[in-house]
Amino acid sequence: MVFMTAPDEAKAAEIARTLVEERMIACANIVPAVRSIYRWEGKIADEREVLVVMKITSDDFKAIEARVRVLHPAQVPELIKLEVSDGLPEYLQWVLASGG
């Protein structure tokens, strides 16, 4: 599973759709209206963003990372991979069958 933030729903959908079409991810959930507070370049930022939760099957995170760097407008996009240790077997099978 990979978490990514995007500046708005349109950009989140564009990136998610591209990654699904290219079979790099099985699916993405777009969660609107996330508020992010963080320090960037010495200043505190307080911004609205969109959270994207992506289900992946490939161990090739580097390929997803490279593609997101091209598609994402941020200089340093948030992109975090989390390992899934268990889940509903039928759902996990669908993810395996759907992804890249």
N, C-alpha and C. Protein backbone atom coordinates (compact mmCIF):
# COMPACT_ATOMS: atom_id res chain seq x y z
N MET A 1 0.85 -1.16 0.00
CA MET A 1 0.00 0.00 0.00
C MET A 1 0.90 1.23 0.00
N VAL A 2 0.49 2.24 -0.77
CA VAL A 2 1.27 3.47 -0.88
C VAL A 2 0.35 4.65 -0.57
N PHE A 3 0.82 5.57 0.25
CA PHE A 3 0.11 6.80 0.55
C PHE A 3 0.79 7.95 -0.20
N MET A 4 -0.04 8.81 -0.77
CA MET A 4 0.47 9.98 -1.47
C MET A 4 -0.51 11.13 -1.23
N THR A 5 0.00 12.34 -1.11
CA THR A 5 -0.89 13.49 -1.10
C THR A 5 -0.76 14.20 -2.44
N ALA A 6 -1.83 14.93 -2.78
CA ALA A 6 -1.86 15.71 -4.01
C ALA A 6 -2.49 17.07 -3.69
N PRO A 7 -2.25 18.08 -4.52
CA PRO A 7 -2.76 19.41 -4.20
C PRO A 7 -4.28 19.54 -4.33
N ASP A 8 -4.90 18.70 -5.16
CA ASP A 8 -6.35 18.79 -5.35
C ASP A 8 -6.88 17.48 -5.94
N GLU A 9 -8.20 17.34 -5.97
CA GLU A 9 -8.81 16.10 -6.45
C GLU A 9 -8.51 15.83 -7.92
N ALA A 10 -8.46 16.88 -8.73
CA ALA A 10 -8.20 16.68 -10.16
C ALA A 10 -6.82 16.08 -10.38
N LYS A 11 -5.81 16.61 -9.70
CA LYS A 11 -4.45 16.07 -9.87
C LYS A 11 -4.35 14.67 -9.28
N ALA A 12 -5.00 14.44 -8.14
CA ALA A 12 -5.01 13.11 -7.53
C ALA A 12 -5.62 12.09 -8.48
N ALA A 13 -6.75 12.44 -9.09
CA ALA A 13 -7.42 11.53 -10.02
C ALA A 13 -6.58 11.29 -11.27
N GLU A 14 -5.93 12.34 -11.76
CA GLU A 14 -5.08 12.19 -12.94
C GLU A 14 -3.94 11.21 -12.68
N ILE A 15 -3.27 11.37 -11.54
CA ILE A 15 -2.16 10.48 -11.20
C ILE A 15 -2.67 9.06 -10.97
N ALA A 16 -3.75 8.92 -10.21
CA ALA A 16 -4.29 7.60 -9.91
C ALA A 16 -4.72 6.88 -11.19
N ARG A 17 -5.45 7.59 -12.05
CA ARG A 17 -5.91 6.96 -13.29
C ARG A 17 -4.74 6.51 -14.15
N THR A 18 -3.72 7.35 -14.25
CA THR A 18 -2.53 6.98 -15.04
C THR A 18 -1.87 5.73 -14.49
N LEU A 19 -1.70 5.67 -13.17
CA LEU A 19 -1.04 4.50 -12.57
C LEU A 19 -1.88 3.23 -12.71
N VAL A 20 -3.21 3.36 -12.65
CA VAL A 20 -4.08 2.19 -12.87
C VAL A 20 -3.99 1.76 -14.33
N GLU A 21 -4.10 2.72 -15.25
CA GLU A 21 -4.02 2.39 -16.67
C GLU A 21 -2.71 1.72 -17.03
N GLU A 22 -1.64 2.15 -16.40
CA GLU A 22 -0.31 1.58 -16.67
C GLU A 22 -0.04 0.32 -15.86
N ARG A 23 -1.04 -0.13 -15.11
CA ARG A 23 -0.98 -1.35 -14.30
C ARG A 23 0.13 -1.31 -13.25
N MET A 24 0.43 -0.11 -12.77
CA MET A 24 1.42 0.04 -11.71
C MET A 24 0.76 -0.11 -10.35
N ILE A 25 -0.55 0.17 -10.27
CA ILE A 25 -1.33 -0.03 -9.05
C ILE A 25 -2.64 -0.71 -9.41
N ALA A 26 -3.23 -1.39 -8.42
CA ALA A 26 -4.51 -2.05 -8.65
C ALA A 26 -5.66 -1.06 -8.56
N CYS A 27 -5.61 -0.17 -7.58
CA CYS A 27 -6.65 0.85 -7.42
C CYS A 27 -6.14 1.94 -6.50
N ALA A 28 -6.92 3.02 -6.46
CA ALA A 28 -6.58 4.14 -5.57
C ALA A 28 -7.86 4.68 -4.96
N ASN A 29 -7.80 4.99 -3.69
CA ASN A 29 -8.89 5.69 -3.00
C ASN A 29 -8.45 7.13 -2.82
N ILE A 30 -9.31 8.06 -3.22
CA ILE A 30 -9.01 9.48 -3.09
C ILE A 30 -9.85 10.04 -1.95
N VAL A 31 -9.17 10.56 -0.95
CA VAL A 31 -9.82 11.08 0.25
C VAL A 31 -9.66 12.61 0.22
N PRO A 32 -10.76 13.34 -0.03
CA PRO A 32 -10.65 14.80 -0.13
C PRO A 32 -10.53 15.47 1.23
N ALA A 33 -10.15 16.73 1.20
CA ALA A 33 -10.17 17.61 2.37
C ALA A 33 -9.28 17.15 3.52
N VAL A 34 -8.06 16.77 3.19
CA VAL A 34 -7.07 16.48 4.21
C VAL A 34 -6.35 17.79 4.51
N ARG A 35 -6.17 18.10 5.77
CA ARG A 35 -5.43 19.30 6.15
C ARG A 35 -4.05 18.88 6.60
N SER A 36 -3.02 19.42 5.97
CA SER A 36 -1.64 19.09 6.29
C SER A 36 -0.93 20.29 6.90
N ILE A 37 -0.32 20.05 8.04
CA ILE A 37 0.48 21.08 8.71
C ILE A 37 1.90 20.53 8.82
N TYR A 38 2.84 21.25 8.24
CA TYR A 38 4.21 20.75 8.20
C TYR A 38 5.19 21.90 8.04
N ARG A 39 6.46 21.60 8.27
CA ARG A 39 7.52 22.59 8.09
C ARG A 39 8.17 22.34 6.74
N TRP A 40 8.30 23.40 5.95
CA TRP A 40 8.95 23.29 4.64
C TRP A 40 9.77 24.55 4.41
N GLU A 41 11.04 24.36 4.14
CA GLU A 41 11.98 25.45 3.87
C GLU A 41 11.93 26.51 4.96
N GLY A 42 11.90 26.05 6.23
CA GLY A 42 11.97 26.93 7.38
C GLY A 42 10.67 27.60 7.79
N LYS A 43 9.59 27.31 7.09
CA LYS A 43 8.30 27.93 7.41
C LYS A 43 7.26 26.85 7.70
N ILE A 44 6.27 27.20 8.52
CA ILE A 44 5.17 26.29 8.81
C ILE A 44 4.11 26.47 7.72
N ALA A 45 3.74 25.38 7.08
CA ALA A 45 2.69 25.39 6.06
C ALA A 45 1.43 24.78 6.66
N ASP A 46 0.29 25.29 6.26
CA ASP A 46 -1.01 24.78 6.69
C ASP A 46 -1.88 24.79 5.44
N GLU A 47 -2.02 23.62 4.82
CA GLU A 47 -2.66 23.55 3.50
C GLU A 47 -3.69 22.44 3.42
N ARG A 48 -4.63 22.62 2.52
CA ARG A 48 -5.58 21.58 2.16
C ARG A 48 -4.95 20.73 1.08
N GLU A 49 -5.04 19.43 1.24
CA GLU A 49 -4.53 18.50 0.25
C GLU A 49 -5.54 17.37 0.10
N VAL A 50 -5.22 16.45 -0.77
CA VAL A 50 -6.03 15.26 -1.00
C VAL A 50 -5.14 14.06 -0.73
N LEU A 51 -5.64 13.09 0.02
CA LEU A 51 -4.89 11.87 0.31
C LEU A 51 -5.26 10.80 -0.71
N VAL A 52 -4.27 10.13 -1.24
CA VAL A 52 -4.49 9.03 -2.17
C VAL A 52 -3.90 7.77 -1.55
N VAL A 53 -4.73 6.75 -1.38
CA VAL A 53 -4.30 5.46 -0.85
C VAL A 53 -4.30 4.49 -2.02
N MET A 54 -3.11 3.99 -2.36
CA MET A 54 -2.96 3.13 -3.53
C MET A 54 -2.64 1.70 -3.12
N LYS A 55 -3.32 0.76 -3.77
CA LYS A 55 -3.02 -0.65 -3.55
C LYS A 55 -2.10 -1.11 -4.67
N ILE A 56 -0.97 -1.65 -4.28
CA ILE A 56 0.03 -2.07 -5.27
C ILE A 56 0.33 -3.55 -5.10
N THR A 57 0.80 -4.15 -6.16
CA THR A 57 1.20 -5.56 -6.09
C THR A 57 2.68 -5.73 -6.37
N SER A 58 3.24 -4.78 -7.05
CA SER A 58 4.63 -4.89 -7.43
C SER A 58 5.55 -4.55 -6.26
N ASP A 59 6.64 -5.26 -6.16
CA ASP A 59 7.67 -4.90 -5.20
C ASP A 59 8.55 -3.78 -5.75
N ASP A 60 8.30 -3.40 -7.01
CA ASP A 60 9.10 -2.38 -7.66
C ASP A 60 8.60 -0.98 -7.31
N PHE A 61 8.77 -0.60 -6.06
CA PHE A 61 8.36 0.72 -5.60
C PHE A 61 9.12 1.81 -6.36
N LYS A 62 10.33 1.53 -6.75
CA LYS A 62 11.14 2.52 -7.46
C LYS A 62 10.48 2.94 -8.78
N ALA A 63 9.81 2.00 -9.47
CA ALA A 63 9.12 2.34 -10.72
C ALA A 63 7.94 3.27 -10.44
N ILE A 64 7.19 3.00 -9.38
CA ILE A 64 6.07 3.86 -9.00
C ILE A 64 6.61 5.23 -8.59
N GLU A 65 7.66 5.23 -7.81
CA GLU A 65 8.29 6.49 -7.38
C GLU A 65 8.71 7.33 -8.58
N ALA A 66 9.36 6.70 -9.54
CA ALA A 66 9.82 7.43 -10.73
C ALA A 66 8.64 8.01 -11.51
N ARG A 67 7.57 7.25 -11.63
CA ARG A 67 6.40 7.73 -12.38
C ARG A 67 5.71 8.87 -11.64
N VAL A 68 5.57 8.77 -10.32
CA VAL A 68 4.95 9.84 -9.53
C VAL A 68 5.79 11.11 -9.63
N ARG A 69 7.10 11.00 -9.63
CA ARG A 69 7.96 12.19 -9.75
C ARG A 69 7.68 12.94 -11.06
N VAL A 70 7.35 12.21 -12.11
CA VAL A 70 7.03 12.84 -13.40
C VAL A 70 5.64 13.47 -13.37
N LEU A 71 4.67 12.79 -12.75
CA LEU A 71 3.27 13.21 -12.79
C LEU A 71 2.89 14.25 -11.74
N HIS A 72 3.61 14.26 -10.62
CA HIS A 72 3.22 15.09 -9.47
C HIS A 72 3.83 16.48 -9.58
N PRO A 73 3.07 17.54 -9.25
CA PRO A 73 3.61 18.90 -9.37
C PRO A 73 4.56 19.32 -8.24
N ALA A 74 4.56 18.62 -7.12
CA ALA A 74 5.40 19.03 -5.98
C ALA A 74 6.87 18.72 -6.22
N GLN A 75 7.71 19.56 -5.67
CA GLN A 75 9.16 19.34 -5.75
C GLN A 75 9.53 18.04 -5.03
N VAL A 76 8.91 17.81 -3.86
CA VAL A 76 9.14 16.59 -3.08
C VAL A 76 7.77 16.04 -2.69
N PRO A 77 7.16 15.20 -3.54
CA PRO A 77 5.83 14.67 -3.20
C PRO A 77 5.91 13.67 -2.06
N GLU A 78 4.83 13.66 -1.25
CA GLU A 78 4.72 12.62 -0.22
C GLU A 78 4.42 11.30 -0.91
N LEU A 79 5.22 10.30 -0.65
CA LEU A 79 5.02 8.97 -1.22
C LEU A 79 5.60 7.98 -0.23
N ILE A 80 4.73 7.24 0.45
CA ILE A 80 5.15 6.35 1.52
C ILE A 80 4.58 4.96 1.27
N LYS A 81 5.43 3.97 1.28
CA LYS A 81 4.99 2.58 1.09
C LYS A 81 4.86 1.90 2.45
N LEU A 82 3.73 1.23 2.65
CA LEU A 82 3.49 0.45 3.86
C LEU A 82 3.26 -1.00 3.45
N GLU A 83 3.83 -1.91 4.19
CA GLU A 83 3.63 -3.33 3.91
C GLU A 83 2.31 -3.80 4.50
N VAL A 84 1.56 -4.56 3.74
CA VAL A 84 0.30 -5.16 4.21
C VAL A 84 0.61 -6.57 4.65
N SER A 85 0.35 -6.86 5.91
CA SER A 85 0.68 -8.19 6.44
C SER A 85 -0.48 -9.17 6.33
N ASP A 86 -1.71 -8.67 6.23
CA ASP A 86 -2.86 -9.56 6.17
C ASP A 86 -4.06 -8.79 5.65
N GLY A 87 -5.10 -9.51 5.26
CA GLY A 87 -6.31 -8.88 4.77
C GLY A 87 -7.30 -9.93 4.32
N LEU A 88 -8.48 -9.50 3.90
CA LEU A 88 -9.49 -10.41 3.39
C LEU A 88 -8.92 -11.12 2.17
N PRO A 89 -8.80 -12.45 2.19
CA PRO A 89 -8.13 -13.17 1.10
C PRO A 89 -8.69 -12.86 -0.28
N GLU A 90 -10.01 -12.76 -0.39
CA GLU A 90 -10.61 -12.49 -1.70
C GLU A 90 -10.22 -11.10 -2.21
N TYR A 91 -10.15 -10.13 -1.31
CA TYR A 91 -9.76 -8.78 -1.70
C TYR A 91 -8.29 -8.76 -2.13
N LEU A 92 -7.44 -9.39 -1.34
CA LEU A 92 -6.03 -9.42 -1.69
C LEU A 92 -5.79 -10.13 -3.02
N GLN A 93 -6.58 -11.16 -3.30
CA GLN A 93 -6.48 -11.85 -4.59
C GLN A 93 -6.87 -10.92 -5.73
N TRP A 94 -7.93 -10.12 -5.50
CA TRP A 94 -8.34 -9.17 -6.52
C TRP A 94 -7.23 -8.15 -6.78
N VAL A 95 -6.60 -7.66 -5.72
CA VAL A 95 -5.50 -6.71 -5.88
C VAL A 95 -4.40 -7.34 -6.72
N LEU A 96 -4.04 -8.56 -6.41
CA LEU A 96 -2.99 -9.26 -7.16
C LEU A 96 -3.36 -9.41 -8.63
N ALA A 97 -4.62 -9.72 -8.90
CA ALA A 97 -5.07 -9.92 -10.27
C ALA A 97 -5.19 -8.60 -11.04
N SER A 98 -5.38 -7.49 -10.34
CA SER A 98 -5.66 -6.21 -10.98
C SER A 98 -4.43 -5.36 -11.20
N GLY A 99 -3.42 -5.51 -10.39
CA GLY A 99 -2.27 -4.62 -10.42
C GLY A 99 -1.23 -5.02 -11.42
N GLY A 100 -0.16 -4.24 -11.39
CA GLY A 100 0.95 -4.47 -12.31
C GLY A 100 1.91 -5.48 -11.78
